[in-house]
Amino acid sequence: MVDTESLVPPGHLLRQVDAAVDFEKLHEIVEPLYSEEEGRRSIDPVVLFKIVLLQHLDGNASLRRTLRRAETDIATGGF
């Protein structure tokens, strides 16, 4: 079993951003844009926002490359 909290070192930029930003506020902002009755379930908007934020913090122009890097970083613990 892997403790995901142990994958990001204390003091890392991602921890600082997480502490400074109220990501749950995004749910309130986008709630009117999502339907409970129609369509398929969507990806959590907070997850989508964090992926794009990570892309820009990393200076990466490719969203696919950002996702690949995140997968690799999680697998290797390389932050």
PDB file of N, CA and C in Angstrom:
ATOM      1  N   MET A   1       0.842  -1.171   0.000  1.00  0.00           N
ATOM      2  CA  MET A   1       0.000   0.000   0.000  1.00  0.00           C
ATOM      3  C   MET A   1       0.898   1.248   0.000  1.00  0.00           C
ATOM      4  N   VAL A   2       0.534   2.222  -0.808  1.00  0.00           N
ATOM      5  CA  VAL A   2       1.324   3.435  -0.946  1.00  0.00           C
ATOM      6  C   VAL A   2       0.585   4.598  -0.300  1.00  0.00           C
ATOM      7  N   ASP A   3       1.292   5.333   0.537  1.00  0.00           N
ATOM      8  CA  ASP A   3       0.750   6.554   1.134  1.00  0.00           C
ATOM      9  C   ASP A   3       1.100   7.706   0.205  1.00  0.00           C
ATOM     10  N   THR A   4       0.107   8.235  -0.503  1.00  0.00           N
ATOM     11  CA  THR A   4       0.380   9.280  -1.483  1.00  0.00           C
ATOM     12  C   THR A   4       0.939  10.549  -0.844  1.00  0.00           C
ATOM     13  N   GLU A   5       0.637  10.802   0.402  1.00  0.00           N
ATOM     14  CA  GLU A   5       1.178  11.985   1.091  1.00  0.00           C
ATOM     15  C   GLU A   5       2.701  11.918   1.200  1.00  0.00           C
ATOM     16  N   SER A   6       3.243  10.722   1.274  1.00  0.00           N
ATOM     17  CA  SER A   6       4.693  10.580   1.414  1.00  0.00           C
ATOM     18  C   SER A   6       5.425  10.784   0.089  1.00  0.00           C
ATOM     19  N   LEU A   7       4.695  10.853  -1.025  1.00  0.00           N
ATOM     20  CA  LEU A   7       5.335  11.009  -2.326  1.00  0.00           C
ATOM     21  C   LEU A   7       5.807  12.433  -2.596  1.00  0.00           C
ATOM     22  N   VAL A   8       5.174  13.422  -1.946  1.00  0.00           N
ATOM     23  CA  VAL A   8       5.552  14.823  -2.149  1.00  0.00           C
ATOM     24  C   VAL A   8       6.258  15.308  -0.885  1.00  0.00           C
ATOM     25  N   PRO A   9       7.509  15.731  -1.027  1.00  0.00           N
ATOM     26  CA  PRO A   9       8.267  16.165   0.150  1.00  0.00           C
ATOM     27  C   PRO A   9       7.664  17.395   0.830  1.00  0.00           C
ATOM     28  N   PRO A  10       7.841  17.532   2.142  1.00  0.00           N
ATOM     29  CA  PRO A  10       7.386  18.750   2.840  1.00  0.00           C
ATOM     30  C   PRO A  10       8.070  19.981   2.242  1.00  0.00           C
ATOM     31  N   GLY A  11       7.340  21.071   2.143  1.00  0.00           N
ATOM     32  CA  GLY A  11       7.922  22.309   1.619  1.00  0.00           C
ATOM     33  C   GLY A  11       7.949  22.384   0.099  1.00  0.00           C
ATOM     34  N   HIS A  12       7.529  21.335  -0.592  1.00  0.00           N
ATOM     35  CA  HIS A  12       7.521  21.327  -2.057  1.00  0.00           C
ATOM     36  C   HIS A  12       6.518  22.368  -2.567  1.00  0.00           C
ATOM     37  N   LEU A  13       6.779  22.930  -3.731  1.00  0.00           N
ATOM     38  CA  LEU A  13       5.914  23.950  -4.322  1.00  0.00           C
ATOM     39  C   LEU A  13       4.462  23.481  -4.413  1.00  0.00           C
ATOM     40  N   LEU A  14       4.241  22.223  -4.755  1.00  0.00           N
ATOM     41  CA  LEU A  14       2.872  21.720  -4.874  1.00  0.00           C
ATOM     42  C   LEU A  14       2.152  21.733  -3.534  1.00  0.00           C
ATOM     43  N   ARG A  15       2.853  21.465  -2.461  1.00  0.00           N
ATOM     44  CA  ARG A  15       2.245  21.544  -1.124  1.00  0.00           C
ATOM     45  C   ARG A  15       1.913  22.996  -0.773  1.00  0.00           C
ATOM     46  N   GLN A  16       2.783  23.919  -1.152  1.00  0.00           N
ATOM     47  CA  GLN A  16       2.548  25.336  -0.880  1.00  0.00           C
ATOM     48  C   GLN A  16       1.323  25.837  -1.652  1.00  0.00           C
ATOM     49  N   VAL A  17       1.199  25.423  -2.907  1.00  0.00           N
ATOM     50  CA  VAL A  17       0.038  25.819  -3.714  1.00  0.00           C
ATOM     51  C   VAL A  17      -1.227  25.230  -3.104  1.00  0.00           C
ATOM     52  N   ASP A  18      -1.186  23.959  -2.718  1.00  0.00           N
ATOM     53  CA  ASP A  18      -2.353  23.308  -2.133  1.00  0.00           C
ATOM     54  C   ASP A  18      -2.803  24.007  -0.853  1.00  0.00           C
ATOM     55  N   ALA A  19      -1.852  24.488  -0.063  1.00  0.00           N
ATOM     56  CA  ALA A  19      -2.186  25.180   1.179  1.00  0.00           C
ATOM     57  C   ALA A  19      -2.737  26.581   0.922  1.00  0.00           C
ATOM     58  N   ALA A  20      -2.328  27.201  -0.187  1.00  0.00           N
ATOM     59  CA  ALA A  20      -2.707  28.590  -0.461  1.00  0.00           C
ATOM     60  C   ALA A  20      -4.007  28.726  -1.252  1.00  0.00           C
ATOM     61  N   VAL A  21      -4.407  27.681  -1.966  1.00  0.00           N
ATOM     62  CA  VAL A  21      -5.557  27.776  -2.859  1.00  0.00           C
ATOM     63  C   VAL A  21      -6.701  26.927  -2.318  1.00  0.00           C
ATOM     64  N   ASP A  22      -7.904  27.500  -2.307  1.00  0.00           N
ATOM     65  CA  ASP A  22      -9.094  26.769  -1.894  1.00  0.00           C
ATOM     66  C   ASP A  22      -9.696  26.117  -3.140  1.00  0.00           C
ATOM     67  N   PHE A  23      -9.221  24.919  -3.437  1.00  0.00           N
ATOM     68  CA  PHE A  23      -9.668  24.232  -4.641  1.00  0.00           C
ATOM     69  C   PHE A  23     -11.147  23.843  -4.571  1.00  0.00           C
ATOM     70  N   GLU A  24     -11.680  23.666  -3.379  1.00  0.00           N
ATOM     71  CA  GLU A  24     -13.094  23.298  -3.242  1.00  0.00           C
ATOM     72  C   GLU A  24     -14.015  24.417  -3.732  1.00  0.00           C
ATOM     73  N   LYS A  25     -13.536  25.638  -3.745  1.00  0.00           N
ATOM     74  CA  LYS A  25     -14.321  26.762  -4.272  1.00  0.00           C
ATOM     75  C   LYS A  25     -14.673  26.538  -5.745  1.00  0.00           C
ATOM     76  N   LEU A  26     -13.816  25.790  -6.449  1.00  0.00           N
ATOM     77  CA  LEU A  26     -14.086  25.492  -7.854  1.00  0.00           C
ATOM     78  C   LEU A  26     -15.401  24.740  -8.035  1.00  0.00           C
ATOM     79  N   HIS A  27     -15.724  23.852  -7.092  1.00  0.00           N
ATOM     80  CA  HIS A  27     -16.987  23.126  -7.193  1.00  0.00           C
ATOM     81  C   HIS A  27     -18.166  24.091  -7.196  1.00  0.00           C
ATOM     82  N   GLU A  28     -18.124  25.097  -6.341  1.00  0.00           N
ATOM     83  CA  GLU A  28     -19.192  26.095  -6.292  1.00  0.00           C
ATOM     84  C   GLU A  28     -19.275  26.883  -7.595  1.00  0.00           C
ATOM     85  N   ILE A  29     -18.119  27.212  -8.162  1.00  0.00           N
ATOM     86  CA  ILE A  29     -18.081  28.029  -9.374  1.00  0.00           C
ATOM     87  C   ILE A  29     -18.649  27.275 -10.567  1.00  0.00           C
ATOM     88  N   VAL A  30     -18.307  25.992 -10.694  1.00  0.00           N
ATOM     89  CA  VAL A  30     -18.709  25.241 -11.891  1.00  0.00           C
ATOM     90  C   VAL A  30     -20.002  24.440 -11.721  1.00  0.00           C
ATOM     91  N   GLU A  31     -20.564  24.403 -10.527  1.00  0.00           N
ATOM     92  CA  GLU A  31     -21.762  23.594 -10.281  1.00  0.00           C
ATOM     93  C   GLU A  31     -22.893  23.853 -11.279  1.00  0.00           C
ATOM     94  N   PRO A  32     -23.192  25.109 -11.628  1.00  0.00           N
ATOM     95  CA  PRO A  32     -24.284  25.340 -12.579  1.00  0.00           C
ATOM     96  C   PRO A  32     -24.006  24.791 -13.979  1.00  0.00           C
ATOM     97  N   LEU A  33     -22.760  24.475 -14.276  1.00  0.00           N
ATOM     98  CA  LEU A  33     -22.394  24.005 -15.614  1.00  0.00           C
ATOM     99  C   LEU A  33     -22.543  22.494 -15.777  1.00  0.00           C
ATOM    100  N   TYR A  34     -22.801  21.780 -14.690  1.00  0.00           N
ATOM    101  CA  TYR A  34     -22.892  20.322 -14.717  1.00  0.00           C
ATOM    102  C   TYR A  34     -24.314  19.879 -14.413  1.00  0.00           C
ATOM    103  N   SER A  35     -24.772  18.856 -15.134  1.00  0.00           N
ATOM    104  CA  SER A  35     -26.121  18.328 -14.945  1.00  0.00           C
ATOM    105  C   SER A  35     -26.052  17.013 -14.174  1.00  0.00           C
ATOM    106  N   GLU A  36     -26.947  16.858 -13.217  1.00  0.00           N
ATOM    107  CA  GLU A  36     -27.047  15.603 -12.462  1.00  0.00           C
ATOM    108  C   GLU A  36     -27.855  14.561 -13.227  1.00  0.00           C
ATOM    109  N   GLU A  37     -28.746  15.009 -14.129  1.00  0.00           N
ATOM    110  CA  GLU A  37     -29.667  14.103 -14.801  1.00  0.00           C
ATOM    111  C   GLU A  37     -29.198  13.652 -16.179  1.00  0.00           C
ATOM    112  N   GLU A  38     -28.425  14.441 -16.870  1.00  0.00           N
ATOM    113  CA  GLU A  38     -28.086  14.146 -18.260  1.00  0.00           C
ATOM    114  C   GLU A  38     -26.602  13.902 -18.444  1.00  0.00           C
ATOM    115  N   GLY A  39     -26.289  13.078 -19.424  1.00  0.00           N
ATOM    116  CA  GLY A  39     -24.901  12.848 -19.801  1.00  0.00           C
ATOM    117  C   GLY A  39     -24.175  11.904 -18.866  1.00  0.00           C
ATOM    118  N   ARG A  40     -22.925  11.676 -19.202  1.00  0.00           N
ATOM    119  CA  ARG A  40     -22.095  10.803 -18.388  1.00  0.00           C
ATOM    120  C   ARG A  40     -21.473  11.596 -17.249  1.00  0.00           C
ATOM    121  N   ARG A  41     -21.044  10.875 -16.235  1.00  0.00           N
ATOM    122  CA  ARG A  41     -20.335  11.546 -15.139  1.00  0.00           C
ATOM    123  C   ARG A  41     -19.052  12.150 -15.682  1.00  0.00           C
ATOM    124  N   SER A  42     -18.705  13.294 -15.173  1.00  0.00           N
ATOM    125  CA  SER A  42     -17.515  13.988 -15.668  1.00  0.00           C
ATOM    126  C   SER A  42     -16.336  13.751 -14.734  1.00  0.00           C
ATOM    127  N   ILE A  43     -15.183  14.157 -15.203  1.00  0.00           N
ATOM    128  CA  ILE A  43     -13.991  14.167 -14.355  1.00  0.00           C
ATOM    129  C   ILE A  43     -14.156  15.326 -13.382  1.00  0.00           C
ATOM    130  N   ASP A  44     -13.754  15.125 -12.163  1.00  0.00           N
ATOM    131  CA  ASP A  44     -13.854  16.176 -11.146  1.00  0.00           C
ATOM    132  C   ASP A  44     -13.161  17.438 -11.650  1.00  0.00           C
ATOM    133  N   PRO A  45     -13.866  18.582 -11.669  1.00  0.00           N
ATOM    134  CA  PRO A  45     -13.267  19.821 -12.172  1.00  0.00           C
ATOM    135  C   PRO A  45     -12.017  20.235 -11.404  1.00  0.00           C
ATOM    136  N   VAL A  46     -11.932  19.883 -10.130  1.00  0.00           N
ATOM    137  CA  VAL A  46     -10.724  20.207  -9.358  1.00  0.00           C
ATOM    138  C   VAL A  46      -9.524  19.444  -9.920  1.00  0.00           C
ATOM    139  N   VAL A  47      -9.739  18.190 -10.280  1.00  0.00           N
ATOM    140  CA  VAL A  47      -8.665  17.386 -10.868  1.00  0.00           C
ATOM    141  C   VAL A  47      -8.224  18.000 -12.191  1.00  0.00           C
ATOM    142  N   LEU A  48      -9.182  18.372 -13.026  1.00  0.00           N
ATOM    143  CA  LEU A  48      -8.834  18.997 -14.310  1.00  0.00           C
ATOM    144  C   LEU A  48      -8.051  20.289 -14.107  1.00  0.00           C
ATOM    145  N   PHE A  49      -8.499  21.112 -13.166  1.00  0.00           N
ATOM    146  CA  PHE A  49      -7.817  22.379 -12.898  1.00  0.00           C
ATOM    147  C   PHE A  49      -6.396  22.125 -12.406  1.00  0.00           C
ATOM    148  N   LYS A  50      -6.234  21.162 -11.508  1.00  0.00           N
ATOM    149  CA  LYS A  50      -4.900  20.866 -10.972  1.00  0.00           C
ATOM    150  C   LYS A  50      -3.952  20.364 -12.059  1.00  0.00           C
ATOM    151  N   ILE A  51      -4.470  19.580 -12.997  1.00  0.00           N
ATOM    152  CA  ILE A  51      -3.629  19.090 -14.091  1.00  0.00           C
ATOM    153  C   ILE A  51      -3.134  20.253 -14.938  1.00  0.00           C
ATOM    154  N   VAL A  52      -4.036  21.171 -15.289  1.00  0.00           N
ATOM    155  CA  VAL A  52      -3.641  22.330 -16.102  1.00  0.00           C
ATOM    156  C   VAL A  52      -2.697  23.243 -15.317  1.00  0.00           C
ATOM    157  N   LEU A  53      -2.956  23.419 -14.026  1.00  0.00           N
ATOM    158  CA  LEU A  53      -2.065  24.217 -13.190  1.00  0.00           C
ATOM    159  C   LEU A  53      -0.669  23.592 -13.145  1.00  0.00           C
ATOM    160  N   LEU A  54      -0.606  22.285 -12.970  1.00  0.00           N
ATOM    161  CA  LEU A  54       0.672  21.578 -12.970  1.00  0.00           C
ATOM    162  C   LEU A  54       1.382  21.750 -14.307  1.00  0.00           C
ATOM    163  N   GLN A  55       0.618  21.705 -15.384  1.00  0.00           N
ATOM    164  CA  GLN A  55       1.191  21.901 -16.717  1.00  0.00           C
ATOM    165  C   GLN A  55       1.882  23.259 -16.813  1.00  0.00           C
ATOM    166  N   HIS A  56       1.231  24.298 -16.322  1.00  0.00           N
ATOM    167  CA  HIS A  56       1.809  25.644 -16.415  1.00  0.00           C
ATOM    168  C   HIS A  56       2.961  25.838 -15.433  1.00  0.00           C
ATOM    169  N   LEU A  57       2.845  25.287 -14.232  1.00  0.00           N
ATOM    170  CA  LEU A  57       3.940  25.403 -13.266  1.00  0.00           C
ATOM    171  C   LEU A  57       5.196  24.704 -13.766  1.00  0.00           C
ATOM    172  N   ASP A  58       4.989  23.632 -14.523  1.00  0.00           N
ATOM    173  CA  ASP A  58       6.111  22.861 -15.056  1.00  0.00           C
ATOM    174  C   ASP A  58       6.648  23.464 -16.355  1.00  0.00           C
ATOM    175  N   GLY A  59       5.906  24.442 -16.911  1.00  0.00           N
ATOM    176  CA  GLY A  59       6.336  25.067 -18.170  1.00  0.00           C
ATOM    177  C   GLY A  59       6.197  24.123 -19.344  1.00  0.00           C
ATOM    178  N   ASN A  60       5.232  23.244 -19.268  1.00  0.00           N
ATOM    179  CA  ASN A  60       5.039  22.224 -20.285  1.00  0.00           C
ATOM    180  C   ASN A  60       3.927  22.655 -21.234  1.00  0.00           C
ATOM    181  N   ALA A  61       4.173  22.577 -22.532  1.00  0.00           N
ATOM    182  CA  ALA A  61       3.177  22.989 -23.515  1.00  0.00           C
ATOM    183  C   ALA A  61       2.192  21.872 -23.848  1.00  0.00           C
ATOM    184  N   SER A  62       2.507  20.649 -23.470  1.00  0.00           N
ATOM    185  CA  SER A  62       1.677  19.505 -23.841  1.00  0.00           C
ATOM    186  C   SER A  62       0.974  18.917 -22.620  1.00  0.00           C
ATOM    187  N   LEU A  63      -0.347  18.843 -22.689  1.00  0.00           N
ATOM    188  CA  LEU A  63      -1.113  18.247 -21.595  1.00  0.00           C
ATOM    189  C   LEU A  63      -0.816  16.751 -21.486  1.00  0.00           C
ATOM    190  N   ARG A  64      -0.683  16.077 -22.611  1.00  0.00           N
ATOM    191  CA  ARG A  64      -0.338  14.648 -22.584  1.00  0.00           C
ATOM    192  C   ARG A  64       1.010  14.416 -21.921  1.00  0.00           C
ATOM    193  N   ARG A  65       1.980  15.249 -22.240  1.00  0.00           N
ATOM    194  CA  ARG A  65       3.306  15.111 -21.639  1.00  0.00           C
ATOM    195  C   ARG A  65       3.237  15.370 -20.132  1.00  0.00           C
ATOM    196  N   THR A  66       2.397  16.311 -19.727  1.00  0.00           N
ATOM    197  CA  THR A  66       2.206  16.591 -18.301  1.00  0.00           C
ATOM    198  C   THR A  66       1.636  15.366 -17.596  1.00  0.00           C
ATOM    199  N   LEU A  67       0.633  14.734 -18.192  1.00  0.00           N
ATOM    200  CA  LEU A  67       0.039  13.542 -17.599  1.00  0.00           C
ATOM    201  C   LEU A  67       1.047  12.399 -17.525  1.00  0.00           C
ATOM    202  N   ARG A  68       1.822  12.217 -18.587  1.00  0.00           N
ATOM    203  CA  ARG A  68       2.858  11.175 -18.570  1.00  0.00           C
ATOM    204  C   ARG A  68       3.878  11.434 -17.480  1.00  0.00           C
ATOM    205  N   ARG A  69       4.297  12.687 -17.340  1.00  0.00           N
ATOM    206  CA  ARG A  69       5.279  13.020 -16.311  1.00  0.00           C
ATOM    207  C   ARG A  69       4.706  12.790 -14.918  1.00  0.00           C
ATOM    208  N   ALA A  70       3.454  13.169 -14.714  1.00  0.00           N
ATOM    209  CA  ALA A  70       2.826  12.954 -13.411  1.00  0.00           C
ATOM    210  C   ALA A  70       2.773  11.472 -13.085  1.00  0.00           C
ATOM    211  N   GLU A  71       2.420  10.643 -14.057  1.00  0.00           N
ATOM    212  CA  GLU A  71       2.396   9.193 -13.834  1.00  0.00           C
ATOM    213  C   GLU A  71       3.781   8.677 -13.471  1.00  0.00           C
ATOM    214  N   THR A  72       4.791   9.141 -14.201  1.00  0.00           N
ATOM    215  CA  THR A  72       6.160   8.711 -13.932  1.00  0.00           C
ATOM    216  C   THR A  72       6.627   9.191 -12.566  1.00  0.00           C
ATOM    217  N   ASP A  73       6.343  10.456 -12.239  1.00  0.00           N
ATOM    218  CA  ASP A  73       6.757  10.997 -10.947  1.00  0.00           C
ATOM    219  C   ASP A  73       6.112  10.244  -9.789  1.00  0.00           C
ATOM    220  N   ILE A  74       4.848   9.892  -9.943  1.00  0.00           N
ATOM    221  CA  ILE A  74       4.166   9.141  -8.879  1.00  0.00           C
ATOM    222  C   ILE A  74       4.777   7.758  -8.750  1.00  0.00           C
ATOM    223  N   ALA A  75       5.063   7.124  -9.901  1.00  0.00           N
ATOM    224  CA  ALA A  75       5.600   5.767  -9.875  1.00  0.00           C
ATOM    225  C   ALA A  75       7.006   5.717  -9.280  1.00  0.00           C
ATOM    226  N   THR A  76       7.800   6.764  -9.526  1.00  0.00           N
ATOM    227  CA  THR A  76       9.194   6.737  -9.063  1.00  0.00           C
ATOM    228  C   THR A  76       9.433   7.571  -7.820  1.00  0.00           C
ATOM    229  N   GLY A  77       8.439   8.374  -7.425  1.00  0.00           N
ATOM    230  CA  GLY A  77       8.626   9.271  -6.285  1.00  0.00           C
ATOM    231  C   GLY A  77       9.539  10.429  -6.629  1.00  0.00           C
ATOM    232  N   GLY A  78       9.708  10.698  -7.935  1.00  0.00           N
ATOM    233  CA  GLY A  78      10.638  11.741  -8.393  1.00  0.00           C
ATOM    234  C   GLY A  78      10.007  13.104  -8.501  1.00  0.00           C
ATOM    235  N   PHE A  79      10.024  13.845  -7.427  1.00  0.00           N
ATOM    236  CA  PHE A  79       9.501  15.214  -7.461  1.00  0.00           C
ATOM    237  C   PHE A  79      10.662  16.122  -7.391  1.00  0.00           C
TER     238      PHE A  79
END
